[in-house]
Each structure stands twice: as C-alpha cells, then as structure tokens.
Protein backbone atom coordinates (compact mmCIF):
# COMPACT_ATOMS: atom_id res chain seq x y z
CA UNK A 1 18.03 -55.99 -9.15
CA UNK A 2 20.81 -56.21 -11.63
CA UNK A 3 23.98 -54.14 -11.46
CA UNK A 4 23.05 -51.92 -14.39
CA UNK A 5 19.77 -50.92 -12.77
CA UNK A 6 21.45 -50.35 -9.38
CA UNK A 7 24.14 -48.14 -10.94
CA UNK A 8 21.47 -46.15 -12.76
CA UNK A 9 19.20 -45.66 -9.72
CA UNK A 10 21.94 -44.48 -7.34
CA UNK A 11 22.69 -41.19 -9.21
CA UNK A 12 18.97 -40.64 -9.81
CA UNK A 13 18.32 -41.04 -6.07
CA UNK A 14 21.04 -38.53 -5.24
CA UNK A 15 19.66 -36.00 -7.74
CA UNK A 16 16.12 -36.41 -6.36
CA UNK A 17 17.35 -36.01 -2.78
CA UNK A 18 19.25 -32.82 -3.65
CA UNK A 19 16.27 -31.40 -5.56
CA UNK A 20 13.88 -32.19 -2.71
CA UNK A 21 16.25 -30.62 -0.17
CA UNK A 22 16.64 -27.49 -2.29
CA UNK A 23 12.87 -27.25 -2.66
CA UNK A 24 12.39 -27.46 1.08
CA UNK A 25 15.06 -24.85 1.78
CA UNK A 26 13.78 -22.44 -0.89
CA UNK A 27 10.16 -22.94 0.08
CA UNK A 28 10.73 -22.17 3.75
CA UNK A 29 11.36 -18.45 3.37
CA UNK A 30 9.27 -15.83 5.12
CA UNK A 31 5.66 -16.00 4.04
CA UNK A 32 3.47 -13.00 3.49
CA UNK A 33 0.42 -12.49 5.65
CA UNK A 34 -2.88 -13.06 3.85
CA UNK A 35 -4.42 -10.08 2.08
CA UNK A 36 -7.86 -9.31 0.69
CA UNK A 37 -8.97 -7.00 -2.09
CA UNK A 38 -9.86 -3.54 -0.79
CA UNK A 39 -11.44 -1.04 -3.13
CA UNK A 40 -13.89 1.80 -2.83
CA UNK A 41 -14.60 5.46 -3.34
CA UNK A 42 -13.54 8.59 -1.44
CA UNK A 43 -15.74 11.68 -1.38
CA UNK A 44 -15.28 15.08 0.26
CA UNK A 45 -18.53 16.87 1.03
CA UNK A 46 -20.32 14.47 -1.31
CA UNK A 47 -18.01 15.08 -4.29
CA UNK A 48 -15.50 12.50 -5.60
CA UNK A 49 -11.98 13.24 -4.34
CA UNK A 50 -9.54 12.70 -7.20
CA UNK A 51 -5.76 12.27 -6.95
CA UNK A 52 -5.80 11.56 -3.22
CA UNK A 53 -3.52 9.12 -1.41
CA UNK A 54 -5.29 6.35 0.51
CA UNK A 55 -3.37 4.40 3.15
CA UNK A 56 -4.56 1.52 5.35
CA UNK A 57 -2.24 0.98 8.33
CA UNK A 58 -2.69 -2.29 10.25
CA UNK A 59 -3.46 -1.67 13.95
CA UNK A 60 -1.54 -4.83 14.92
CA UNK A 61 1.50 -3.71 12.92
CA UNK A 62 2.73 -4.81 9.55
CA UNK A 63 3.04 -3.37 6.09
CA UNK A 64 0.53 -0.63 5.19
CA UNK A 65 -1.49 -0.80 1.98
CA UNK A 66 -1.48 2.13 -0.44
CA UNK A 67 -3.64 3.37 -3.26
CA UNK A 68 -4.60 6.52 -5.13
CA UNK A 69 -7.99 7.78 -6.20
CA UNK A 70 -8.85 8.24 -9.85
CA UNK A 71 -10.90 11.09 -11.35
CA UNK A 72 -14.11 9.57 -9.92
CA UNK A 73 -12.62 9.04 -6.44
CA UNK A 74 -12.26 5.25 -6.87
CA UNK A 75 -9.26 3.40 -5.43
CA UNK A 76 -7.73 -0.10 -5.07
CA UNK A 77 -5.13 -0.89 -2.44
CA UNK A 78 -1.78 -2.63 -2.87
CA UNK A 79 0.47 -4.06 -0.14
CA UNK A 80 2.99 -6.51 -1.64
CA UNK A 81 2.02 -6.35 -5.32
CA UNK A 82 -0.35 -4.34 -7.50
CA UNK A 83 -3.99 -4.57 -6.43
CA UNK A 84 -3.42 -7.38 -3.89
CA UNK A 85 -5.37 -5.47 -1.24
CA UNK A 86 -4.55 -5.06 2.44
CA UNK A 87 -3.50 -7.44 5.21
CA UNK A 88 -6.47 -9.05 6.96
CA UNK A 89 -7.48 -7.37 10.22
CA UNK A 90 -8.25 -3.94 11.66
CA UNK A 91 -6.80 -0.85 9.96
CA UNK A 92 -6.68 2.89 10.40
CA UNK A 93 -7.28 4.62 7.08
CA UNK A 94 -5.71 7.94 6.19
CA UNK A 95 -6.53 10.13 3.21
CA UNK A 96 -4.36 13.00 2.01
CA UNK A 97 -4.23 15.36 -0.92
CA UNK A 98 -2.08 18.43 -1.26
CA UNK A 99 -2.12 21.27 -3.70
CA UNK A 100 1.46 22.17 -4.63
CA UNK A 101 2.70 25.71 -4.03
CA UNK A 102 4.12 27.98 -6.68
CA UNK A 103 7.76 27.33 -5.84
CA UNK A 104 10.79 29.28 -4.72
CA UNK A 105 11.52 32.87 -5.62
CA UNK A 106 14.87 33.21 -7.37
CA UNK A 107 16.04 36.81 -7.67
CA UNK A 108 19.26 38.49 -8.67
CA UNK A 109 21.68 38.16 -5.77
CA UNK A 110 19.61 35.34 -4.29
CA UNK A 111 20.65 32.33 -6.34
CA UNK A 112 20.61 29.90 -3.43
CA UNK A 113 16.88 29.39 -3.80
CA UNK A 114 15.60 31.47 -0.90
CA UNK A 115 13.60 33.17 0.46
CA UNK A 116 10.76 30.77 0.02
CA UNK A 117 7.47 32.17 -1.21
CA UNK A 118 4.82 31.39 1.46
CA UNK A 119 2.53 30.14 -1.29
CA UNK A 120 5.17 27.51 -2.11
CA UNK A 121 4.17 25.48 0.94
CA UNK A 122 1.81 22.70 -0.11
CA UNK A 123 -1.78 23.24 0.99
CA UNK A 124 -3.74 20.28 2.29
CA UNK A 125 -7.04 19.85 0.46
CA UNK A 126 -8.28 17.34 3.06
CA UNK A 127 -8.84 18.22 6.74
CA UNK A 128 -5.69 17.24 8.63
CA UNK A 129 -7.53 14.85 10.99
CA UNK A 130 -7.95 12.44 8.04
CA UNK A 131 -4.28 12.49 7.01
CA UNK A 132 -2.67 11.32 10.27
CA UNK A 133 -2.83 7.82 11.79
CA UNK A 134 -3.04 9.25 15.32
CA UNK A 135 -6.08 11.44 14.54
CA UNK A 136 -7.96 9.64 11.77
CA UNK A 137 -11.46 8.50 12.74
CA UNK A 138 -11.48 6.08 9.78
CA UNK A 139 -11.34 2.45 10.95
CA UNK A 140 -11.98 -0.61 8.80
CA UNK A 141 -11.68 -4.34 9.31
CA UNK A 142 -10.30 -6.06 6.21
CA UNK A 143 -11.86 -9.47 5.58
CA UNK A 144 -12.02 -11.88 2.66
CA UNK A 145 -14.54 -10.88 -0.02
CA UNK A 146 -15.09 -7.32 1.23
CA UNK A 147 -17.64 -5.10 -0.48
CA UNK A 148 -16.29 -1.79 -1.83
CA UNK A 149 -15.85 0.82 0.90
CA UNK A 150 -17.40 4.28 0.77
CA UNK A 151 -15.21 6.80 2.59
CA UNK A 152 -17.17 10.03 3.07
CA UNK A 153 -15.06 12.92 4.37
CA UNK A 154 -16.43 16.21 5.67
CA UNK A 155 -14.71 19.58 5.67
CA UNK A 156 -15.77 20.29 9.26
C-alpha cells in the first residue's frame, strides 16, 4: 500500500471505530418490554360506558397501560407511546368513571372556599370493585395479536 493510501485510511479507521463505539454505547440503553395492541369495548349493564378510564396493571410489575372509552365504549391502550398496547403477560384491569360534583360553596364571610357542598364530592358511576386493583375481578392475559376484549360490567 502506498503512503498516500495509508495516510488516508488511518483517519477513516479512527472515525469508523469512534462511530461504531458510539453506536454500541447509545444502543445499549434500557429496552422496553414487548407490548401488544389491546383494544375493546366496555359496557355497564349492557350499555356502552363512555368517558371511562381503563387501566391494565401488570401482575408481575411494570408500567400500567391506560386508555379511555369513547362515546361507544371503545378503547385502545397505551403504555410507552400512543396506542402501543400493554406489556405482554397477565394484567388486572380496572375501570373507573366519576361524575363531578357541583363545587364549593363560596358565601360572604367564607372566602376560603369552605364549607364544601356534599354534592361536590365526585360520584363513582362504576361499582367500586371495578376501580381498584385489589378488588377488581377483571383479569386478562395480553398476548401478540389479541382479539378485541369485551368488558361487561354489572351494577350488582
């Protein structure tokens, strides 16, 4: 190899080595666990439940997936980015929906915002057993290529 070629290849080799090393370092960050699309419909007493919060909490631990129902009760879950689904594995699902209260009574001489009107406390529109991880009977195993889930809630 002539001197000109050797002088040219040395800096190129250094640049390639640095780039490769940077790629390895940058590419070795924490990886996300695999997810699968989770979608479905929530009904309460056979009627679509709109504007409800849907949460899938992994039994083995990890980041929960969240979604909200539309006017027809349909939802799609997101964990790390929009509509990426839930982490693979067993989950406990919780569903919640609250009706907001009327607010705080502000009267002359009572400008601190109290007393609170009892109707100001949000009212749960879903039986409480469905809205807590420790009491929810809703269990689902998230797998690749899942069919849409039908979550049928009862008022009793």
